[in-house]
Amino acid sequence: MRIELADVVVSANGRDEGKRFLVIETEGEYSLIANGKGRRVEKPKRKKNKHLRLEDKADGRIAEKLLGGEKPTNNEVRRVLAGVAAVRGEKGGM
């Protein structure tokens, strides 16, 4: 399992355990994650990859933005996470 830019992940440890995030940047064995609400894009959480579980890949415009070096908006992040939750039959995205 390799965590990459624009992946949708779930925190496996810590006080945010079970919450869904989007990887907005990677730094070696760490990822910077945000969910657009409690953890905004302006101040992402730095978390070790071993404490994250890969759930899905973000596709479309937000993935292009991240791969192009741009930061997505908090609204875009929330929309992606809500879309993943809807596909999985869950309510909400975070």
PDB file of N, CA and C in Angstrom:
ATOM      1  N   MET A   1       0.847  -1.176   0.000  1.00  0.00           N
ATOM      2  CA  MET A   1       0.000   0.000   0.000  1.00  0.00           C
ATOM      3  C   MET A   1       0.891   1.238   0.000  1.00  0.00           C
ATOM      4  N   ARG A   2       0.701   2.055  -0.967  1.00  0.00           N
ATOM      5  CA  ARG A   2       1.482   3.274  -1.073  1.00  0.00           C
ATOM      6  C   ARG A   2       0.529   4.462  -1.129  1.00  0.00           C
ATOM      7  N   ILE A   3       0.683   5.366  -0.186  1.00  0.00           N
ATOM      8  CA  ILE A   3      -0.151   6.564  -0.132  1.00  0.00           C
ATOM      9  C   ILE A   3       0.455   7.599  -1.075  1.00  0.00           C
ATOM     10  N   GLU A   4      -0.381   8.143  -1.964  1.00  0.00           N
ATOM     11  CA  GLU A   4       0.073   9.123  -2.938  1.00  0.00           C
ATOM     12  C   GLU A   4      -0.820  10.356  -2.906  1.00  0.00           C
ATOM     13  N   LEU A   5      -0.391  11.367  -3.606  1.00  0.00           N
ATOM     14  CA  LEU A   5      -1.141  12.608  -3.739  1.00  0.00           C
ATOM     15  C   LEU A   5      -2.530  12.323  -4.311  1.00  0.00           C
ATOM     16  N   ALA A   6      -3.542  12.969  -3.799  1.00  0.00           N
ATOM     17  CA  ALA A   6      -4.937  12.858  -4.242  1.00  0.00           C
ATOM     18  C   ALA A   6      -5.602  11.536  -3.851  1.00  0.00           C
ATOM     19  N   ASP A   7      -5.039  10.832  -2.872  1.00  0.00           N
ATOM     20  CA  ASP A   7      -5.687   9.626  -2.356  1.00  0.00           C
ATOM     21  C   ASP A   7      -6.679  10.005  -1.266  1.00  0.00           C
ATOM     22  N   VAL A   8      -7.748   9.260  -1.174  1.00  0.00           N
ATOM     23  CA  VAL A   8      -8.690   9.402  -0.068  1.00  0.00           C
ATOM     24  C   VAL A   8      -8.292   8.335   0.946  1.00  0.00           C
ATOM     25  N   VAL A   9      -8.031   8.766   2.179  1.00  0.00           N
ATOM     26  CA  VAL A   9      -7.542   7.865   3.220  1.00  0.00           C
ATOM     27  C   VAL A   9      -8.415   7.970   4.462  1.00  0.00           C
ATOM     28  N   VAL A  10      -8.295   6.954   5.316  1.00  0.00           N
ATOM     29  CA  VAL A  10      -8.968   6.953   6.607  1.00  0.00           C
ATOM     30  C   VAL A  10      -7.887   6.862   7.674  1.00  0.00           C
ATOM     31  N   SER A  11      -8.003   7.679   8.700  1.00  0.00           N
ATOM     32  CA  SER A  11      -7.047   7.648   9.794  1.00  0.00           C
ATOM     33  C   SER A  11      -7.239   6.369  10.586  1.00  0.00           C
ATOM     34  N   ALA A  12      -6.143   5.643  10.835  1.00  0.00           N
ATOM     35  CA  ALA A  12      -6.210   4.376  11.548  1.00  0.00           C
ATOM     36  C   ALA A  12      -5.865   4.541  13.028  1.00  0.00           C
ATOM     37  N   ASN A  13      -5.239   5.658  13.402  1.00  0.00           N
ATOM     38  CA  ASN A  13      -4.833   5.874  14.786  1.00  0.00           C
ATOM     39  C   ASN A  13      -5.027   7.332  15.169  1.00  0.00           C
ATOM     40  N   GLY A  14      -5.088   7.571  16.477  1.00  0.00           N
ATOM     41  CA  GLY A  14      -5.169   8.931  16.989  1.00  0.00           C
ATOM     42  C   GLY A  14      -6.585   9.374  17.259  1.00  0.00           C
ATOM     43  N   ARG A  15      -6.718  10.618  17.659  1.00  0.00           N
ATOM     44  CA  ARG A  15      -8.053  11.129  17.991  1.00  0.00           C
ATOM     45  C   ARG A  15      -8.942  11.289  16.774  1.00  0.00           C
ATOM     46  N   ASP A  16      -8.343  11.294  15.586  1.00  0.00           N
ATOM     47  CA  ASP A  16      -9.118  11.381  14.350  1.00  0.00           C
ATOM     48  C   ASP A  16      -9.363  10.005  13.720  1.00  0.00           C
ATOM     49  N   GLU A  17      -9.186   8.954  14.494  1.00  0.00           N
ATOM     50  CA  GLU A  17      -9.357   7.589  14.006  1.00  0.00           C
ATOM     51  C   GLU A  17     -10.741   7.387  13.384  1.00  0.00           C
ATOM     52  N   GLY A  18     -10.749   6.786  12.198  1.00  0.00           N
ATOM     53  CA  GLY A  18     -11.996   6.502  11.502  1.00  0.00           C
ATOM     54  C   GLY A  18     -12.488   7.625  10.609  1.00  0.00           C
ATOM     55  N   LYS A  19     -11.840   8.773  10.650  1.00  0.00           N
ATOM     56  CA  LYS A  19     -12.263   9.903   9.819  1.00  0.00           C
ATOM     57  C   LYS A  19     -11.587   9.843   8.459  1.00  0.00           C
ATOM     58  N   ARG A  20     -12.291  10.339   7.470  1.00  0.00           N
ATOM     59  CA  ARG A  20     -11.826  10.311   6.078  1.00  0.00           C
ATOM     60  C   ARG A  20     -11.154  11.637   5.719  1.00  0.00           C
ATOM     61  N   PHE A  21     -10.033  11.551   5.006  1.00  0.00           N
ATOM     62  CA  PHE A  21      -9.258  12.733   4.606  1.00  0.00           C
ATOM     63  C   PHE A  21      -8.792  12.590   3.168  1.00  0.00           C
ATOM     64  N   LEU A  22      -8.343  13.701   2.608  1.00  0.00           N
ATOM     65  CA  LEU A  22      -7.735  13.725   1.285  1.00  0.00           C
ATOM     66  C   LEU A  22      -6.266  14.095   1.455  1.00  0.00           C
ATOM     67  N   VAL A  23      -5.390  13.353   0.788  1.00  0.00           N
ATOM     68  CA  VAL A  23      -3.964  13.652   0.833  1.00  0.00           C
ATOM     69  C   VAL A  23      -3.705  14.813  -0.118  1.00  0.00           C
ATOM     70  N   ILE A  24      -3.236  15.938   0.449  1.00  0.00           N
ATOM     71  CA  ILE A  24      -2.992  17.110  -0.393  1.00  0.00           C
ATOM     72  C   ILE A  24      -1.502  17.358  -0.633  1.00  0.00           C
ATOM     73  N   GLU A  25      -0.655  16.611   0.081  1.00  0.00           N
ATOM     74  CA  GLU A  25       0.783  16.716  -0.135  1.00  0.00           C
ATOM     75  C   GLU A  25       1.454  15.515   0.514  1.00  0.00           C
ATOM     76  N   THR A  26       2.602  15.102  -0.006  1.00  0.00           N
ATOM     77  CA  THR A  26       3.360  14.007   0.592  1.00  0.00           C
ATOM     78  C   THR A  26       4.776  14.474   0.890  1.00  0.00           C
ATOM     79  N   GLU A  27       5.340  13.946   1.980  1.00  0.00           N
ATOM     80  CA  GLU A  27       6.700  14.271   2.413  1.00  0.00           C
ATOM     81  C   GLU A  27       7.362  12.990   2.897  1.00  0.00           C
ATOM     82  N   GLY A  28       7.885  12.180   1.986  1.00  0.00           N
ATOM     83  CA  GLY A  28       8.531  10.934   2.392  1.00  0.00           C
ATOM     84  C   GLY A  28       7.539   9.982   3.034  1.00  0.00           C
ATOM     85  N   GLU A  29       7.766   9.667   4.317  1.00  0.00           N
ATOM     86  CA  GLU A  29       6.877   8.743   5.014  1.00  0.00           C
ATOM     87  C   GLU A  29       5.688   9.451   5.659  1.00  0.00           C
ATOM     88  N   TYR A  30       5.546  10.743   5.421  1.00  0.00           N
ATOM     89  CA  TYR A  30       4.441  11.531   5.950  1.00  0.00           C
ATOM     90  C   TYR A  30       3.536  12.023   4.822  1.00  0.00           C
ATOM     91  N   SER A  31       2.275  12.245   5.179  1.00  0.00           N
ATOM     92  CA  SER A  31       1.319  12.854   4.257  1.00  0.00           C
ATOM     93  C   SER A  31       0.664  14.031   4.962  1.00  0.00           C
ATOM     94  N   LEU A  32       0.349  15.067   4.201  1.00  0.00           N
ATOM     95  CA  LEU A  32      -0.426  16.185   4.723  1.00  0.00           C
ATOM     96  C   LEU A  32      -1.863  15.957   4.285  1.00  0.00           C
ATOM     97  N   ILE A  33      -2.760  15.873   5.261  1.00  0.00           N
ATOM     98  CA  ILE A  33      -4.142  15.510   4.979  1.00  0.00           C
ATOM     99  C   ILE A  33      -5.095  16.608   5.448  1.00  0.00           C
ATOM    100  N   ALA A  34      -6.214  16.710   4.736  1.00  0.00           N
ATOM    101  CA  ALA A  34      -7.242  17.700   5.083  1.00  0.00           C
ATOM    102  C   ALA A  34      -8.609  17.107   4.767  1.00  0.00           C
ATOM    103  N   ASN A  35      -9.638  17.598   5.486  1.00  0.00           N
ATOM    104  CA  ASN A  35     -10.998  17.172   5.177  1.00  0.00           C
ATOM    105  C   ASN A  35     -11.891  18.356   4.824  1.00  0.00           C
ATOM    106  N   GLY A  36     -11.326  19.558   4.819  1.00  0.00           N
ATOM    107  CA  GLY A  36     -12.071  20.732   4.397  1.00  0.00           C
ATOM    108  C   GLY A  36     -12.975  21.343   5.447  1.00  0.00           C
ATOM    109  N   LYS A  37     -13.061  20.725   6.610  1.00  0.00           N
ATOM    110  CA  LYS A  37     -13.922  21.257   7.659  1.00  0.00           C
ATOM    111  C   LYS A  37     -13.112  21.443   8.937  1.00  0.00           C
ATOM    112  N   GLY A  38     -12.915  20.394   9.699  1.00  0.00           N
ATOM    113  CA  GLY A  38     -12.133  20.476  10.932  1.00  0.00           C
ATOM    114  C   GLY A  38     -10.654  20.624  10.654  1.00  0.00           C
ATOM    115  N   ARG A  39     -10.213  20.036   9.565  1.00  0.00           N
ATOM    116  CA  ARG A  39      -8.826  20.105   9.126  1.00  0.00           C
ATOM    117  C   ARG A  39      -8.824  20.740   7.756  1.00  0.00           C
ATOM    118  N   ARG A  40      -8.608  22.036   7.715  1.00  0.00           N
ATOM    119  CA  ARG A  40      -8.721  22.799   6.473  1.00  0.00           C
ATOM    120  C   ARG A  40      -7.456  22.694   5.633  1.00  0.00           C
ATOM    121  N   VAL A  41      -7.574  23.022   4.368  1.00  0.00           N
ATOM    122  CA  VAL A  41      -6.470  22.960   3.417  1.00  0.00           C
ATOM    123  C   VAL A  41      -5.347  23.917   3.831  1.00  0.00           C
ATOM    124  N   GLU A  42      -5.702  25.039   4.434  1.00  0.00           N
ATOM    125  CA  GLU A  42      -4.712  26.029   4.849  1.00  0.00           C
ATOM    126  C   GLU A  42      -3.815  25.515   5.970  1.00  0.00           C
ATOM    127  N   LYS A  43      -4.316  24.573   6.763  1.00  0.00           N
ATOM    128  CA  LYS A  43      -3.554  24.024   7.887  1.00  0.00           C
ATOM    129  C   LYS A  43      -3.776  22.512   7.964  1.00  0.00           C
ATOM    130  N   PRO A  44      -3.179  21.764   7.023  1.00  0.00           N
ATOM    131  CA  PRO A  44      -3.396  20.312   7.000  1.00  0.00           C
ATOM    132  C   PRO A  44      -2.669  19.603   8.137  1.00  0.00           C
ATOM    133  N   LYS A  45      -3.116  18.403   8.431  1.00  0.00           N
ATOM    134  CA  LYS A  45      -2.484  17.582   9.463  1.00  0.00           C
ATOM    135  C   LYS A  45      -1.366  16.769   8.836  1.00  0.00           C
ATOM    136  N   ARG A  46      -0.235  16.717   9.492  1.00  0.00           N
ATOM    137  CA  ARG A  46       0.897  15.909   9.043  1.00  0.00           C
ATOM    138  C   ARG A  46       0.805  14.581   9.785  1.00  0.00           C
ATOM    139  N   LYS A  47       0.689  13.498   9.032  1.00  0.00           N
ATOM    140  CA  LYS A  47       0.481  12.193   9.644  1.00  0.00           C
ATOM    141  C   LYS A  47       1.328  11.150   8.936  1.00  0.00           C
ATOM    142  N   LYS A  48       1.878  10.209   9.702  1.00  0.00           N
ATOM    143  CA  LYS A  48       2.681   9.136   9.118  1.00  0.00           C
ATOM    144  C   LYS A  48       1.786   8.244   8.263  1.00  0.00           C
ATOM    145  N   ASN A  49       2.345   7.817   7.142  1.00  0.00           N
ATOM    146  CA  ASN A  49       1.582   6.968   6.226  1.00  0.00           C
ATOM    147  C   ASN A  49       1.159   5.653   6.869  1.00  0.00           C
ATOM    148  N   LYS A  50       1.946   5.138   7.814  1.00  0.00           N
ATOM    149  CA  LYS A  50       1.588   3.868   8.444  1.00  0.00           C
ATOM    150  C   LYS A  50       0.331   3.997   9.313  1.00  0.00           C
ATOM    151  N   HIS A  51      -0.066   5.229   9.620  1.00  0.00           N
ATOM    152  CA  HIS A  51      -1.268   5.469  10.409  1.00  0.00           C
ATOM    153  C   HIS A  51      -2.472   5.819   9.532  1.00  0.00           C
ATOM    154  N   LEU A  52      -2.322   5.622   8.220  1.00  0.00           N
ATOM    155  CA  LEU A  52      -3.400   5.905   7.277  1.00  0.00           C
ATOM    156  C   LEU A  52      -3.761   4.645   6.514  1.00  0.00           C
ATOM    157  N   ARG A  53      -5.035   4.501   6.198  1.00  0.00           N
ATOM    158  CA  ARG A  53      -5.513   3.371   5.410  1.00  0.00           C
ATOM    159  C   ARG A  53      -6.075   3.920   4.097  1.00  0.00           C
ATOM    160  N   LEU A  54      -5.537   3.436   2.987  1.00  0.00           N
ATOM    161  CA  LEU A  54      -5.987   3.879   1.667  1.00  0.00           C
ATOM    162  C   LEU A  54      -7.408   3.397   1.431  1.00  0.00           C
ATOM    163  N   GLU A  55      -8.272   4.314   1.000  1.00  0.00           N
ATOM    164  CA  GLU A  55      -9.663   3.958   0.754  1.00  0.00           C
ATOM    165  C   GLU A  55     -10.052   4.100  -0.712  1.00  0.00           C
ATOM    166  N   ASP A  56      -9.586   5.148  -1.358  1.00  0.00           N
ATOM    167  CA  ASP A  56      -9.994   5.407  -2.738  1.00  0.00           C
ATOM    168  C   ASP A  56      -9.036   6.425  -3.350  1.00  0.00           C
ATOM    169  N   LYS A  57      -9.188   6.659  -4.638  1.00  0.00           N
ATOM    170  CA  LYS A  57      -8.435   7.689  -5.346  1.00  0.00           C
ATOM    171  C   LYS A  57      -9.390   8.809  -5.727  1.00  0.00           C
ATOM    172  N   ALA A  58      -8.958  10.041  -5.529  1.00  0.00           N
ATOM    173  CA  ALA A  58      -9.753  11.178  -5.998  1.00  0.00           C
ATOM    174  C   ALA A  58      -9.556  11.265  -7.502  1.00  0.00           C
ATOM    175  N   ASP A  59     -10.628  11.553  -8.203  1.00  0.00           N
ATOM    176  CA  ASP A  59     -10.492  11.655  -9.651  1.00  0.00           C
ATOM    177  C   ASP A  59     -11.028  13.007 -10.109  1.00  0.00           C
ATOM    178  N   GLY A  60     -10.846  13.274 -11.367  1.00  0.00           N
ATOM    179  CA  GLY A  60     -11.386  14.505 -11.927  1.00  0.00           C
ATOM    180  C   GLY A  60     -10.554  15.726 -11.637  1.00  0.00           C
ATOM    181  N   ARG A  61     -11.242  16.822 -11.475  1.00  0.00           N
ATOM    182  CA  ARG A  61     -10.612  18.135 -11.374  1.00  0.00           C
ATOM    183  C   ARG A  61      -9.691  18.282 -10.165  1.00  0.00           C
ATOM    184  N   ILE A  62     -10.086  17.755  -9.022  1.00  0.00           N
ATOM    185  CA  ILE A  62      -9.267  17.932  -7.820  1.00  0.00           C
ATOM    186  C   ILE A  62      -7.939  17.182  -7.941  1.00  0.00           C
ATOM    187  N   ALA A  63      -7.949  16.003  -8.545  1.00  0.00           N
ATOM    188  CA  ALA A  63      -6.703  15.255  -8.752  1.00  0.00           C
ATOM    189  C   ALA A  63      -5.784  16.003  -9.707  1.00  0.00           C
ATOM    190  N   GLU A  64      -6.361  16.563 -10.773  1.00  0.00           N
ATOM    191  CA  GLU A  64      -5.566  17.350 -11.722  1.00  0.00           C
ATOM    192  C   GLU A  64      -4.953  18.563 -11.034  1.00  0.00           C
ATOM    193  N   LYS A  65      -5.734  19.204 -10.189  1.00  0.00           N
ATOM    194  CA  LYS A  65      -5.255  20.372  -9.464  1.00  0.00           C
ATOM    195  C   LYS A  65      -4.062  20.011  -8.572  1.00  0.00           C
ATOM    196  N   LEU A  66      -4.215  18.943  -7.793  1.00  0.00           N
ATOM    197  CA  LEU A  66      -3.150  18.531  -6.887  1.00  0.00           C
ATOM    198  C   LEU A  66      -1.901  18.096  -7.647  1.00  0.00           C
ATOM    199  N   LEU A  67      -2.084  17.330  -8.693  1.00  0.00           N
ATOM    200  CA  LEU A  67      -0.941  16.860  -9.479  1.00  0.00           C
ATOM    201  C   LEU A  67      -0.271  18.005 -10.227  1.00  0.00           C
ATOM    202  N   GLY A  68      -1.007  19.075 -10.483  1.00  0.00           N
ATOM    203  CA  GLY A  68      -0.459  20.264 -11.136  1.00  0.00           C
ATOM    204  C   GLY A  68       0.187  21.241 -10.162  1.00  0.00           C
ATOM    205  N   GLY A  69       0.169  20.916  -8.870  1.00  0.00           N
ATOM    206  CA  GLY A  69       0.808  21.758  -7.870  1.00  0.00           C
ATOM    207  C   GLY A  69      -0.084  22.814  -7.244  1.00  0.00           C
ATOM    208  N   GLU A  70      -1.360  22.822  -7.589  1.00  0.00           N
ATOM    209  CA  GLU A  70      -2.299  23.790  -7.013  1.00  0.00           C
ATOM    210  C   GLU A  70      -2.963  23.215  -5.769  1.00  0.00           C
ATOM    211  N   LYS A  71      -3.408  24.098  -4.892  1.00  0.00           N
ATOM    212  CA  LYS A  71      -4.159  23.686  -3.706  1.00  0.00           C
ATOM    213  C   LYS A  71      -5.651  23.724  -4.025  1.00  0.00           C
ATOM    214  N   PRO A  72      -6.392  22.688  -3.645  1.00  0.00           N
ATOM    215  CA  PRO A  72      -7.843  22.722  -3.844  1.00  0.00           C
ATOM    216  C   PRO A  72      -8.499  23.594  -2.779  1.00  0.00           C
ATOM    217  N   THR A  73      -9.738  23.948  -3.006  1.00  0.00           N
ATOM    218  CA  THR A  73     -10.481  24.699  -1.991  1.00  0.00           C
ATOM    219  C   THR A  73     -11.047  23.707  -0.981  1.00  0.00           C
ATOM    220  N   ASN A  74     -11.423  24.212   0.185  1.00  0.00           N
ATOM    221  CA  ASN A  74     -12.019  23.359   1.212  1.00  0.00           C
ATOM    222  C   ASN A  74     -13.332  22.760   0.719  1.00  0.00           C
ATOM    223  N   ASN A  75     -14.075  23.525  -0.039  1.00  0.00           N
ATOM    224  CA  ASN A  75     -15.336  23.046  -0.586  1.00  0.00           C
ATOM    225  C   ASN A  75     -15.113  21.870  -1.539  1.00  0.00           C
ATOM    226  N   GLU A  76     -14.088  21.951  -2.365  1.00  0.00           N
ATOM    227  CA  GLU A  76     -13.773  20.854  -3.284  1.00  0.00           C
ATOM    228  C   GLU A  76     -13.388  19.590  -2.526  1.00  0.00           C
ATOM    229  N   VAL A  77     -12.624  19.752  -1.459  1.00  0.00           N
ATOM    230  CA  VAL A  77     -12.216  18.599  -0.643  1.00  0.00           C
ATOM    231  C   VAL A  77     -13.442  17.949  -0.013  1.00  0.00           C
ATOM    232  N   ARG A  78     -14.325  18.761   0.568  1.00  0.00           N
ATOM    233  CA  ARG A  78     -15.546  18.211   1.186  1.00  0.00           C
ATOM    234  C   ARG A  78     -16.406  17.484   0.162  1.00  0.00           C
ATOM    235  N   ARG A  79     -16.490  18.041  -1.048  1.00  0.00           N
ATOM    236  CA  ARG A  79     -17.292  17.430  -2.110  1.00  0.00           C
ATOM    237  C   ARG A  79     -16.739  16.050  -2.498  1.00  0.00           C
ATOM    238  N   VAL A  80     -15.418  15.937  -2.612  1.00  0.00           N
ATOM    239  CA  VAL A  80     -14.794  14.654  -2.955  1.00  0.00           C
ATOM    240  C   VAL A  80     -15.058  13.622  -1.861  1.00  0.00           C
ATOM    241  N   LEU A  81     -14.877  14.022  -0.603  1.00  0.00           N
ATOM    242  CA  LEU A  81     -15.081  13.093   0.512  1.00  0.00           C
ATOM    243  C   LEU A  81     -16.544  12.671   0.628  1.00  0.00           C
ATOM    244  N   ALA A  82     -17.467  13.594   0.376  1.00  0.00           N
ATOM    245  CA  ALA A  82     -18.895  13.256   0.401  1.00  0.00           C
ATOM    246  C   ALA A  82     -19.233  12.297  -0.736  1.00  0.00           C
ATOM    247  N   GLY A  83     -18.595  12.473  -1.893  1.00  0.00           N
ATOM    248  CA  GLY A  83     -18.818  11.569  -3.023  1.00  0.00           C
ATOM    249  C   GLY A  83     -18.358  10.155  -2.723  1.00  0.00           C
ATOM    250  N   VAL A  84     -17.219  10.019  -2.063  1.00  0.00           N
ATOM    251  CA  VAL A  84     -16.715   8.692  -1.678  1.00  0.00           C
ATOM    252  C   VAL A  84     -17.661   8.050  -0.675  1.00  0.00           C
ATOM    253  N   ALA A  85     -18.146   8.839   0.299  1.00  0.00           N
ATOM    254  CA  ALA A  85     -19.086   8.313   1.290  1.00  0.00           C
ATOM    255  C   ALA A  85     -20.379   7.860   0.627  1.00  0.00           C
ATOM    256  N   ALA A  86     -20.859   8.618  -0.358  1.00  0.00           N
ATOM    257  CA  ALA A  86     -22.100   8.261  -1.048  1.00  0.00           C
ATOM    258  C   ALA A  86     -21.950   6.955  -1.811  1.00  0.00           C
ATOM    259  N   VAL A  87     -20.798   6.768  -2.447  1.00  0.00           N
ATOM    260  CA  VAL A  87     -20.548   5.528  -3.187  1.00  0.00           C
ATOM    261  C   VAL A  87     -20.544   4.345  -2.230  1.00  0.00           C
ATOM    262  N   ARG A  88     -20.056   4.553  -1.037  1.00  0.00           N
ATOM    263  CA  ARG A  88     -19.989   3.475  -0.032  1.00  0.00           C
ATOM    264  C   ARG A  88     -21.289   3.345   0.770  1.00  0.00           C
ATOM    265  N   GLY A  89     -22.269   4.177   0.469  1.00  0.00           N
ATOM    266  CA  GLY A  89     -23.562   4.082   1.141  1.00  0.00           C
ATOM    267  C   GLY A  89     -23.568   4.685   2.526  1.00  0.00           C
ATOM    268  N   GLU A  90     -22.634   5.578   2.804  1.00  0.00           N
ATOM    269  CA  GLU A  90     -22.562   6.224   4.103  1.00  0.00           C
ATOM    270  C   GLU A  90     -23.146   7.622   4.016  1.00  0.00           C
ATOM    271  N   LYS A  91     -23.461   8.182   5.172  1.00  0.00           N
ATOM    272  CA  LYS A  91     -23.959   9.555   5.213  1.00  0.00           C
ATOM    273  C   LYS A  91     -22.800  10.472   5.593  1.00  0.00           C
ATOM    274  N   GLY A  92     -22.664  11.595   4.890  1.00  0.00           N
ATOM    275  CA  GLY A  92     -21.580  12.543   5.185  1.00  0.00           C
ATOM    276  C   GLY A  92     -20.272  12.071   4.584  1.00  0.00           C
ATOM    277  N   GLY A  93     -19.268  12.928   4.654  1.00  0.00           N
ATOM    278  CA  GLY A  93     -17.998  12.578   4.035  1.00  0.00           C
ATOM    279  C   GLY A  93     -16.832  12.546   4.996  1.00  0.00           C
ATOM    280  N   MET A  94     -17.033  13.059   6.219  1.00  0.00           N
ATOM    281  CA  MET A  94     -15.880  13.169   7.103  1.00  0.00           C
ATOM    282  C   MET A  94     -16.038  12.353   8.352  1.00  0.00           C
TER     283      MET A  94
END
